[in-house]
Amino acid sequence: MDGHHRYKICRENNIPFLVMEMEFKDEDEALIWIAKNQLGRRNLNSFQRCELVLPLKSALTVEAEKRRRESISHYRKCGEANGSGVDTRDILSEMAGVSHGLLRQVKKILDEADECTKEKLRRGEIRVNTAYKQIIAAKSLAPKQNQSEDLITHENETEKTDAEDIIRELLRKVTYGEADPETVIMELTKALKIMEGTHGKTSV
């Protein structure tokens, strides 16, 4: 699980060492433990931290559901929110110690940037926001038709995220009794209009 380099050094130099056995219920739990251990012990920059936690999204589905149930139970008992994020995006952001926006930028960079750019980010030679802007700028140099399609796709993704954020926040308010019927209708209408606008856009 951990200590591979130390193990190799000890074996090569005949240095005595101890091994501690650990048990995990499944592979996902083991992966989460490795990530948390690396985050806690190494001096990583924001890009490296995001790169470490992003692959855990599917593995954290169970953790997100557990938090959601605990949050609801806490509110019913105490009448107040416990302050913990209740979806995978919240958990990933908390683990990496970054904002949702930065996490999204790193995800796009990992999906679209070349390996040279990623290495510069890992070494801290460029900032995440700089690399993200370079990707957006590069797309603006594409042929006009592709540029229009990319722009529409980017707008659709942004608006979809906005609608999801509205619904997620509304669910939180409803769960904690912070939203009256009028607010529920108003927020759902707003999210619906955003989604209708997204589906209604087509490329030329």
Protein backbone atom coordinates (compact mmCIF):
# COMPACT_ATOMS: atom_id res chain seq x y z
CA MET A 1 0.00 0.00 0.00
CA ASP A 2 2.81 2.41 0.83
CA GLY A 3 6.56 2.63 1.41
CA HIS A 4 7.79 1.00 -1.80
CA HIS A 5 10.91 3.17 -2.06
CA ARG A 6 11.80 2.68 1.61
CA TYR A 7 11.27 -1.06 1.20
CA LYS A 8 13.65 -1.13 -1.78
CA ILE A 9 16.30 0.90 0.08
CA CYS A 10 16.09 -1.36 3.13
CA ARG A 11 16.36 -4.52 1.04
CA GLU A 12 19.32 -3.22 -0.95
CA ASN A 13 21.20 -2.10 2.19
CA ASN A 14 20.20 -4.95 4.54
CA ILE A 15 18.41 -2.53 6.87
CA PRO A 16 15.88 -4.18 9.22
CA PHE A 17 12.29 -2.97 8.85
CA LEU A 18 8.79 -3.71 10.11
CA VAL A 19 5.68 -4.37 8.04
CA MET A 20 2.21 -3.38 9.22
CA GLU A 21 -0.72 -5.26 7.75
CA MET A 22 -3.94 -3.39 6.95
CA GLU A 23 -7.38 -4.59 5.97
CA PHE A 24 -9.77 -2.90 3.54
CA LYS A 25 -13.28 -3.96 2.62
CA ASP A 26 -12.65 -3.41 -1.10
CA GLU A 27 -10.30 -1.89 -3.67
CA ASP A 28 -12.08 1.48 -3.58
CA GLU A 29 -11.44 1.86 0.14
CA ALA A 30 -7.78 0.99 -0.42
CA LEU A 31 -7.44 3.61 -3.20
CA ILE A 32 -9.01 6.29 -0.99
CA TRP A 33 -6.60 5.42 1.84
CA ILE A 34 -3.59 5.70 -0.50
CA ALA A 35 -4.73 9.11 -1.78
CA LYS A 36 -5.36 10.49 1.71
CA ASN A 37 -2.01 9.18 2.90
CA GLN A 38 -0.18 10.82 0.00
CA LEU A 39 -2.03 14.11 0.51
CA GLY A 40 -1.15 14.16 4.18
CA ARG A 41 2.54 13.34 3.86
CA ARG A 42 3.76 15.10 0.72
CA ASN A 43 4.21 18.75 -0.17
CA LEU A 44 2.04 18.79 -3.31
CA ASN A 45 0.91 21.78 -5.33
CA SER A 46 -2.75 22.31 -6.19
CA PHE A 47 -2.50 20.59 -9.59
CA GLN A 48 -0.88 17.49 -8.10
CA ARG A 49 -3.50 17.34 -5.34
CA CYS A 50 -6.34 17.53 -7.86
CA GLU A 51 -4.63 14.97 -10.09
CA LEU A 52 -4.41 12.62 -7.12
CA VAL A 53 -8.07 12.84 -6.08
CA LEU A 54 -9.92 13.11 -9.42
CA PRO A 55 -9.59 9.36 -10.22
CA LEU A 56 -11.42 8.64 -6.94
CA LYS A 57 -14.74 10.11 -8.11
CA SER A 58 -16.50 6.77 -8.62
CA ALA A 59 -14.92 5.28 -5.49
CA LEU A 60 -16.32 8.12 -3.36
CA THR A 61 -19.95 7.54 -4.35
CA VAL A 62 -20.51 5.44 -1.23
CA GLU A 63 -18.83 8.06 0.97
CA ALA A 64 -21.04 10.79 -0.53
CA GLU A 65 -24.19 8.81 0.21
CA LYS A 66 -22.97 8.13 3.76
CA ARG A 67 -22.39 11.88 4.30
CA ARG A 68 -25.82 12.70 2.91
CA ARG A 69 -27.51 10.34 5.37
CA GLU A 70 -25.41 11.60 8.28
CA SER A 71 -26.18 15.20 7.32
CA ILE A 72 -29.93 14.55 7.28
CA SER A 73 -29.74 12.66 10.57
CA HIS A 74 -27.72 15.47 12.19
CA TYR A 75 -30.20 18.09 11.04
CA ARG A 76 -33.17 16.12 12.36
CA LYS A 77 -31.49 15.76 15.74
CA CYS A 78 -29.93 19.23 16.11
CA GLY A 79 -31.91 21.40 13.71
CA GLU A 80 -28.78 22.64 11.93
CA ALA A 81 -26.48 21.62 9.08
CA ASN A 82 -23.23 19.86 10.01
CA GLY A 83 -21.20 21.77 7.39
CA SER A 84 -19.96 18.75 5.44
CA GLY A 85 -20.27 18.48 1.66
CA VAL A 86 -22.69 15.75 0.62
CA ASP A 87 -21.70 14.98 -2.98
CA THR A 88 -18.56 13.66 -4.64
CA ARG A 89 -17.55 17.10 -5.95
CA ASP A 90 -17.60 18.48 -2.40
CA ILE A 91 -15.58 15.55 -1.07
CA LEU A 92 -12.99 15.75 -3.86
CA SER A 93 -12.59 19.51 -3.33
CA GLU A 94 -12.19 19.04 0.42
CA MET A 95 -9.60 16.28 -0.04
CA ALA A 96 -7.57 18.36 -2.49
CA GLY A 97 -8.04 21.57 -0.51
CA VAL A 98 -9.15 23.51 -3.59
CA SER A 99 -12.29 25.19 -4.90
CA HIS A 100 -14.81 23.51 -7.20
CA GLY A 101 -13.73 25.84 -10.01
CA LEU A 102 -10.06 24.89 -9.76
CA LEU A 103 -10.98 21.21 -9.66
CA ARG A 104 -12.97 21.63 -12.90
CA GLN A 105 -10.04 23.43 -14.54
CA VAL A 106 -7.63 20.62 -13.63
CA LYS A 107 -10.08 18.03 -14.96
CA LYS A 108 -10.17 19.83 -18.32
CA ILE A 109 -6.38 20.12 -18.38
CA LEU A 110 -5.95 16.41 -17.66
CA ASP A 111 -8.41 15.59 -20.44
CA GLU A 112 -7.06 17.97 -23.10
CA ALA A 113 -3.56 19.28 -22.36
CA ASP A 114 -0.35 17.73 -23.70
CA GLU A 115 2.00 15.86 -21.39
CA CYS A 116 4.59 18.66 -21.48
CA THR A 117 2.06 21.10 -20.00
CA LYS A 118 1.07 18.61 -17.32
CA GLU A 119 4.71 18.09 -16.33
CA LYS A 120 5.22 21.86 -16.02
CA LEU A 121 2.16 22.01 -13.74
CA ARG A 122 3.47 19.15 -11.60
CA ARG A 123 6.79 21.00 -11.21
CA GLY A 124 4.98 24.24 -10.40
CA GLU A 125 6.44 26.05 -13.40
CA ILE A 126 3.05 27.34 -14.56
CA ARG A 127 -0.26 27.97 -12.80
CA VAL A 128 -3.42 25.96 -13.34
CA ASN A 129 -5.34 29.03 -14.49
CA THR A 130 -2.62 29.85 -17.05
CA ALA A 131 -2.73 26.34 -18.55
CA TYR A 132 -6.53 26.40 -18.59
CA LYS A 133 -6.57 29.72 -20.47
CA GLN A 134 -4.08 28.32 -22.98
CA ILE A 135 -6.44 25.46 -23.76
CA ILE A 136 -9.36 27.86 -24.28
CA ALA A 137 -7.19 30.17 -26.42
CA ALA A 138 -6.00 27.26 -28.58
CA LYS A 139 -9.59 26.35 -29.35
CA SER A 140 -10.26 29.88 -30.55
CA LEU A 141 -7.71 29.29 -33.34
CA ALA A 142 -9.66 26.34 -34.73
CA PRO A 143 -11.66 26.65 -38.00
CA LYS A 144 -14.76 28.82 -37.65
CA GLN A 145 -17.23 25.95 -37.71
CA ASN A 146 -15.33 23.98 -35.09
CA GLN A 147 -14.90 27.13 -33.03
CA SER A 148 -18.66 27.73 -33.04
CA GLU A 149 -19.32 24.14 -32.02
CA ASP A 150 -16.72 24.28 -29.26
CA LEU A 151 -18.11 27.57 -27.97
CA ILE A 152 -21.65 26.19 -27.88
CA THR A 153 -20.43 23.03 -26.14
CA HIS A 154 -18.50 25.09 -23.56
CA GLU A 155 -21.54 27.30 -22.93
CA ASN A 156 -23.81 24.29 -22.62
CA GLU A 157 -21.47 22.61 -20.13
CA THR A 158 -21.24 25.81 -18.06
CA GLU A 159 -24.99 26.36 -18.06
CA LYS A 160 -25.65 22.73 -17.21
CA THR A 161 -23.31 23.03 -14.24
CA ASP A 162 -25.12 26.22 -13.15
CA ALA A 163 -28.47 24.41 -13.28
CA GLU A 164 -27.09 21.47 -11.33
CA ASP A 165 -25.68 23.83 -8.70
CA ILE A 166 -29.09 25.52 -8.33
CA ILE A 167 -30.86 22.18 -7.89
CA ARG A 168 -28.19 20.87 -5.49
CA GLU A 169 -28.43 23.97 -3.30
CA LEU A 170 -32.23 23.83 -3.40
CA LEU A 171 -32.19 20.20 -2.25
CA ARG A 172 -29.94 21.20 0.63
CA LYS A 173 -32.32 23.99 1.65
CA VAL A 174 -35.35 21.69 1.42
CA THR A 175 -33.57 19.03 3.47
CA TYR A 176 -32.81 21.53 6.23
CA GLY A 177 -36.17 23.29 6.04
CA GLU A 178 -34.64 26.52 4.74
CA ALA A 179 -36.81 26.86 1.61
CA ASP A 180 -40.46 27.89 1.48
CA PRO A 181 -42.74 26.73 -1.39
CA GLU A 182 -42.35 30.03 -3.26
CA THR A 183 -38.55 29.72 -3.20
CA VAL A 184 -38.74 26.11 -4.40
CA ILE A 185 -40.91 27.07 -7.39
CA MET A 186 -38.74 30.07 -8.26
CA GLU A 187 -35.45 28.15 -8.12
CA LEU A 188 -36.79 25.16 -10.06
CA THR A 189 -38.13 27.50 -12.73
CA LYS A 190 -34.73 29.17 -13.00
CA ALA A 191 -32.95 25.81 -13.37
CA LEU A 192 -35.52 24.64 -15.94
CA LYS A 193 -35.05 27.76 -18.08
CA ILE A 194 -31.29 27.24 -18.06
CA MET A 195 -31.67 23.60 -19.13
CA GLU A 196 -34.20 24.52 -21.85
CA GLY A 197 -31.76 27.09 -23.20
CA THR A 198 -28.99 24.51 -23.22
CA HIS A 199 -31.01 21.93 -25.15
CA GLY A 200 -32.27 24.59 -27.55
CA LYS A 201 -28.81 25.66 -28.78
CA THR A 202 -27.56 24.19 -32.04
CA SER A 203 -24.41 24.70 -34.05
CA VAL A 204 -24.43 26.52 -37.40
